[in-house]
Protein backbone atom coordinates (compact mmCIF):
# COMPACT_ATOMS: atom_id res chain seq x y z
CA MET A 1 25.91 84.27 122.74
CA GLY A 2 29.48 83.55 122.72
CA ALA A 3 31.10 80.18 121.64
CA VAL A 4 31.21 77.63 124.39
CA ARG A 5 34.76 76.73 125.00
CA PRO A 6 35.46 73.14 126.25
CA SER A 7 36.83 73.23 130.00
CA ALA A 8 40.36 72.12 130.56
CA PRO A 9 40.90 68.60 131.73
CA ALA A 10 41.51 68.51 135.37
CA ALA A 11 44.84 67.94 136.78
CA SER A 12 43.85 64.83 138.37
CA SER A 13 43.51 63.20 135.00
CA PHE A 14 47.27 63.71 134.42
CA PRO A 15 49.10 62.10 137.32
CA LEU A 16 52.52 62.23 135.92
CA LEU A 17 51.89 66.15 135.65
CA GLN A 18 50.90 66.31 139.03
CA ARG A 19 53.96 64.14 140.26
CA TRP A 20 56.31 66.54 138.41
CA ARG A 21 54.75 69.51 139.71
CA GLY A 22 55.11 68.35 143.10
CA ALA A 23 58.80 67.58 142.60
CA LEU A 24 59.53 70.92 141.02
CA SER A 25 57.89 72.73 143.95
CA ARG A 26 60.25 70.76 146.49
CA VAL A 27 63.37 72.08 144.39
CA SER A 28 64.90 75.40 145.24
CA LEU A 29 64.72 78.11 142.94
CA LEU A 30 68.45 78.27 142.48
CA ALA A 31 68.53 74.42 141.59
CA ARG A 32 66.01 75.12 138.84
CA GLU A 33 67.87 78.15 137.68
CA ILE A 34 71.18 76.15 137.39
CA THR A 35 69.38 73.35 135.67
CA LEU A 36 67.60 75.40 133.13
CA ALA A 37 70.97 77.17 132.44
CA LEU A 38 72.80 73.83 131.89
CA VAL A 39 69.98 72.65 129.54
CA LEU A 40 69.98 75.70 127.57
CA LYS A 41 73.77 75.58 127.11
CA LEU A 42 73.89 71.79 126.06
CA LEU A 43 71.22 72.95 123.55
CA LEU A 44 73.28 75.75 122.41
CA LEU A 45 76.48 73.66 122.10
CA GLY A 46 74.55 70.88 120.13
CA LEU A 47 73.26 73.73 117.90
CA ILE A 48 76.87 75.01 117.24
CA TRP A 49 78.16 71.53 116.63
CA TRP A 50 75.33 70.84 114.18
CA ALA A 51 75.97 73.99 112.32
CA PHE A 52 79.71 74.21 112.11
CA PHE A 53 81.24 70.55 112.67
CA SER A 54 78.69 68.19 111.78
CA GLU A 55 80.25 67.53 108.19
CA PRO A 56 83.18 68.56 106.36
CA ALA A 57 82.68 72.13 104.76
CA ALA A 58 84.19 70.87 101.48
CA ARG A 59 83.14 67.38 100.58
CA HIS A 60 86.17 67.04 98.04
CA MET A 61 88.69 67.51 101.07
CA GLN A 62 87.97 64.16 102.53
CA LEU A 63 91.00 61.95 103.45
CA ASP A 64 91.32 58.17 102.92
CA PRO A 65 91.18 56.54 106.37
CA ASP A 66 94.06 54.35 105.81
CA ARG A 67 96.28 57.36 104.74
CA VAL A 68 95.30 59.13 108.00
CA GLN A 69 95.91 55.98 109.89
CA GLN A 70 99.45 55.56 108.33
CA GLN A 71 100.40 59.13 109.33
CA LEU A 72 99.27 59.13 112.65
CA LEU A 73 100.69 55.79 113.60
CA GLN A 74 103.95 56.16 111.85
CA SER A 75 107.02 55.64 114.16
CA THR A 76 109.61 58.06 114.11
CA SER A 77 113.01 57.06 115.27
CA THR A 78 114.90 58.99 117.74
CA THR A 79 117.89 59.63 115.01
CA ASP A 80 115.48 61.42 112.61
CA ALA A 81 114.40 64.03 115.37
CA PRO A 82 116.51 67.10 115.92
CA HIS A 83 118.05 67.52 119.15
CA ALA A 84 118.56 71.00 120.79
CA LYS A 85 122.28 72.09 121.10
CA ARG A 86 123.38 72.49 124.61
């Protein structure tokens, strides 16, 4: 005789699952496909960010935040900027 497999729990024992199944059956196929595509794209974008942009490639190339702030917020006067000749 073969091994006895336990029966799967009835769907009624998972009311949340029933609620989700009911909600998904009312949504159109197009809406489900669009939602799935958007979720997959977000996951892929997150994976790409994590793989390439989550931390600097070379740790020795980090800059001092005060120096960066000084360069970005440095005001340039209009006399220093070159003007186009007309």
